[in-house]
């Protein structure tokens, strides 16, 4: 193998192990054994499992962020943007289950820091701008757009994590239900929402 081919082989083997066992559960010995190389070869290419993990996570973040930002960057009706974002996330999960498992396992959506939650923060910032524009057009207060952005992105991300495990119903059905809840909820927002008084 060329050095480049060996590097890609190590990344492929490591990605499968990290998805299966997590970062902590994977050792350099296992990576080397599965790739049929010696441990020094792994260290030579990546400096250790941290280096391999960083490259894998960077690639997965780039792929998922690219899919989500691509879905949100198009000019379309807001409902279509919600549909596209939901389908982009579910499509990534379907096409790259190991990658999603790596991202979501070690920094789930409920955490405030980590790769997956940081990625969701980037997406939320884009959604925030879209929501603020729509709020202005509908006579709603755009200053609450950041809160709604977090709610919307969190709803889609948590649903994606659940669907990654159960894989049913189909991604199209899941996306349609996400859009139903998100769009119909956003469509009929109250100007001054409040909690009902305690009786």
Protein backbone atom coordinates (compact mmCIF):
# COMPACT_ATOMS: atom_id res chain seq x y z
CA UNK A 1 0.00 0.00 0.00
CA UNK A 2 1.07 3.57 -0.57
CA UNK A 3 1.21 5.82 2.49
CA UNK A 4 -2.04 7.45 1.39
CA UNK A 5 -3.78 4.10 0.93
CA UNK A 6 -2.55 2.92 4.33
CA UNK A 7 -3.82 6.13 5.94
CA UNK A 8 -7.27 5.64 4.39
CA UNK A 9 -7.31 2.00 5.46
CA UNK A 10 -6.52 3.00 9.06
CA UNK A 11 -9.27 5.62 8.96
CA UNK A 12 -11.82 3.10 7.65
CA UNK A 13 -10.90 0.51 10.28
CA UNK A 14 -10.87 3.10 13.07
CA UNK A 15 -14.19 4.62 12.02
CA UNK A 16 -15.88 1.22 12.30
CA UNK A 17 -14.31 0.58 15.72
CA UNK A 18 -15.20 4.03 17.10
CA UNK A 19 -18.79 3.58 15.90
CA UNK A 20 -18.98 0.14 17.50
CA UNK A 21 -17.13 0.77 20.79
CA UNK A 22 -16.81 4.53 21.22
CA UNK A 23 -13.61 6.49 21.66
CA UNK A 24 -12.84 5.20 25.15
CA UNK A 25 -13.58 1.58 24.21
CA UNK A 26 -11.22 1.56 21.23
CA UNK A 27 -7.47 0.99 21.58
CA UNK A 28 -4.53 1.50 19.23
CA UNK A 29 -3.87 -2.25 19.59
CA UNK A 30 -7.33 -3.05 18.19
CA UNK A 31 -6.91 -0.59 15.33
CA UNK A 32 -3.54 -2.07 14.42
CA UNK A 33 -4.79 -5.65 14.72
CA UNK A 34 -7.86 -5.05 12.55
CA UNK A 35 -5.77 -3.24 9.94
CA UNK A 36 -3.16 -6.03 10.10
CA UNK A 37 -0.32 -3.60 10.86
CA UNK A 38 1.93 -2.97 13.83
CA UNK A 39 1.14 -0.30 16.43
CA UNK A 40 4.07 1.88 15.29
CA UNK A 41 2.40 2.19 11.85
CA UNK A 42 -0.68 3.71 13.51
CA UNK A 43 1.47 6.12 15.51
CA UNK A 44 3.51 7.02 12.44
CA UNK A 45 0.41 8.09 10.50
CA UNK A 46 -1.68 9.70 13.26
CA UNK A 47 0.31 9.96 16.48
CA UNK A 48 -2.26 7.81 18.30
CA UNK A 49 -5.99 7.21 18.45
CA UNK A 50 -6.69 10.87 19.28
CA UNK A 51 -5.24 11.89 15.92
CA UNK A 52 -7.28 9.31 14.01
CA UNK A 53 -10.42 10.26 15.90
CA UNK A 54 -9.91 13.96 15.16
CA UNK A 55 -9.62 13.32 11.41
CA UNK A 56 -12.71 11.10 11.40
CA UNK A 57 -14.79 13.60 13.38
CA UNK A 58 -13.65 16.49 11.15
CA UNK A 59 -14.74 14.56 8.05
CA UNK A 60 -18.13 13.68 9.54
CA UNK A 61 -18.78 17.22 10.76
CA UNK A 62 -17.88 18.57 7.32
CA UNK A 63 -20.24 16.10 5.61
CA UNK A 64 -23.18 16.72 7.95
CA UNK A 65 -22.73 20.48 8.15
CA UNK A 66 -22.41 20.62 4.38
CA UNK A 67 -25.68 18.72 3.96
CA UNK A 68 -27.54 20.89 6.46
CA UNK A 69 -26.19 24.25 5.31
CA UNK A 70 -26.78 23.25 1.70
CA UNK A 71 -30.41 22.55 2.54
CA UNK A 72 -30.80 25.89 4.31
CA UNK A 73 -28.86 28.00 1.81
CA UNK A 74 -31.36 27.62 -1.01
CA UNK A 75 -34.02 30.24 -1.63
CA UNK A 76 -37.34 28.58 -0.85
CA UNK A 77 -40.52 28.86 1.19
CA UNK A 78 -39.75 28.43 4.93
CA UNK A 79 -41.73 25.18 5.07
CA UNK A 80 -39.57 23.78 2.26
CA UNK A 81 -36.44 24.76 4.19
CA UNK A 82 -37.68 22.83 7.25
CA UNK A 83 -38.42 19.83 4.98
CA UNK A 84 -35.00 20.00 3.33
CA UNK A 85 -33.16 20.32 6.64
CA UNK A 86 -35.03 17.34 8.13
CA UNK A 87 -34.37 15.24 5.03
CA UNK A 88 -30.70 16.30 4.97
CA UNK A 89 -30.16 15.11 8.54
CA UNK A 90 -32.08 11.87 8.07
CA UNK A 91 -30.33 11.26 4.75
CA UNK A 92 -26.93 11.69 6.42
CA UNK A 93 -27.95 9.25 9.17
CA UNK A 94 -29.12 6.73 6.58
CA UNK A 95 -26.01 7.05 4.40
CA UNK A 96 -23.48 7.35 7.21
CA UNK A 97 -24.79 5.52 10.30
CA UNK A 98 -21.29 4.95 11.70
CA UNK A 99 -20.39 8.60 11.26
CA UNK A 100 -23.57 9.78 12.95
CA UNK A 101 -23.08 7.29 15.80
CA UNK A 102 -19.57 8.66 16.37
CA UNK A 103 -20.78 12.28 16.41
CA UNK A 104 -23.85 11.71 18.55
CA UNK A 105 -22.39 9.21 21.04
CA UNK A 106 -19.51 11.32 22.29
CA UNK A 107 -21.32 14.69 22.20
CA UNK A 108 -25.09 14.14 22.18
CA UNK A 109 -27.49 16.96 21.41
CA UNK A 110 -28.31 17.47 25.09
CA UNK A 111 -24.72 18.53 25.87
CA UNK A 112 -23.71 22.17 25.66
CA UNK A 113 -20.25 21.44 24.29
CA UNK A 114 -18.70 18.90 21.98
CA UNK A 115 -18.62 18.28 18.29
CA UNK A 116 -22.24 17.42 17.57
CA UNK A 117 -23.67 20.14 19.79
CA UNK A 118 -21.21 22.66 18.31
CA UNK A 119 -22.33 21.67 14.83
CA UNK A 120 -25.95 22.12 15.88
CA UNK A 121 -25.03 25.56 17.22
CA UNK A 122 -23.75 26.52 13.76
CA UNK A 123 -26.96 25.30 12.15
CA UNK A 124 -29.05 27.10 14.80
CA UNK A 125 -27.34 30.37 13.90
CA UNK A 126 -28.40 29.95 10.27
CA UNK A 127 -31.94 28.99 11.25
CA UNK A 128 -32.09 31.98 13.59
CA UNK A 129 -31.56 34.38 10.71
CA UNK A 130 -34.24 32.68 8.62
CA UNK A 131 -36.72 32.73 11.51
CA UNK A 132 -36.02 36.37 12.36
CA UNK A 133 -36.86 37.36 8.77
CA UNK A 134 -40.10 35.38 8.86
CA UNK A 135 -41.03 36.77 12.28
CA UNK A 136 -40.62 40.34 11.00
CA UNK A 137 -42.76 39.61 7.94
CA UNK A 138 -45.53 38.21 10.16
CA UNK A 139 -45.45 41.01 12.73
CA UNK A 140 -43.85 38.82 15.40
CA UNK A 141 -40.99 39.84 17.67
CA UNK A 142 -37.71 38.84 15.92
CA UNK A 143 -35.74 39.05 19.18
CA UNK A 144 -37.12 35.63 20.20
CA UNK A 145 -35.83 33.96 17.01
CA UNK A 146 -32.75 32.52 18.82
CA UNK A 147 -34.99 30.62 21.25
CA UNK A 148 -37.17 29.23 18.47
CA UNK A 149 -34.09 28.33 16.47
CA UNK A 150 -32.75 26.22 19.34
CA UNK A 151 -36.14 24.53 19.78
CA UNK A 152 -36.49 23.72 16.10
CA UNK A 153 -32.94 22.41 15.62
CA UNK A 154 -33.09 20.47 18.89
CA UNK A 155 -36.35 18.83 17.88
CA UNK A 156 -34.92 17.71 14.55
CA UNK A 157 -31.62 16.54 16.10
CA UNK A 158 -33.24 14.50 18.89
CA UNK A 159 -35.64 12.93 16.42
CA UNK A 160 -32.65 12.07 14.24
CA UNK A 161 -30.88 10.40 17.17
CA UNK A 162 -33.98 8.34 17.91
CA UNK A 163 -34.47 7.39 14.25
CA UNK A 164 -30.81 6.36 13.96
CA UNK A 165 -31.54 3.57 16.43
CA UNK A 166 -35.00 2.39 15.35
CA UNK A 167 -34.96 3.15 11.59
CA UNK A 168 -38.72 3.17 11.26
CA UNK A 169 -40.90 4.51 9.88
CA UNK A 170 -39.13 5.61 6.70
CA UNK A 171 -37.14 8.85 6.70
CA UNK A 172 -39.79 10.46 4.47
CA UNK A 173 -42.53 9.66 6.99
CA UNK A 174 -40.40 10.89 9.91
CA UNK A 175 -39.55 14.10 8.03
CA UNK A 176 -43.21 14.69 7.18
CA UNK A 177 -44.17 14.42 10.86
CA UNK A 178 -41.32 16.72 11.88
CA UNK A 179 -42.45 19.27 9.33
CA UNK A 180 -46.08 18.86 10.41
CA UNK A 181 -45.23 19.69 14.02
CA UNK A 182 -42.64 22.36 13.27
CA UNK A 183 -44.45 24.14 10.45
CA UNK A 184 -47.96 24.04 11.88
CA UNK A 185 -46.56 25.18 15.21
CA UNK A 186 -44.58 28.03 13.62
CA UNK A 187 -47.43 28.93 11.28
CA UNK A 188 -49.86 29.75 14.10
CA UNK A 189 -47.55 31.38 16.63
CA UNK A 190 -49.22 33.72 19.10
CA UNK A 191 -47.87 37.25 19.20
CA UNK A 192 -47.66 37.22 23.01
CA UNK A 193 -47.62 33.64 24.23
CA UNK A 194 -48.30 33.02 27.87
CA UNK A 195 -48.92 30.13 30.18
CA UNK A 196 -52.49 29.65 31.37
CA UNK A 197 -53.16 30.88 34.89
CA UNK A 198 -53.17 28.29 37.66
CA UNK A 199 -56.69 27.56 38.85
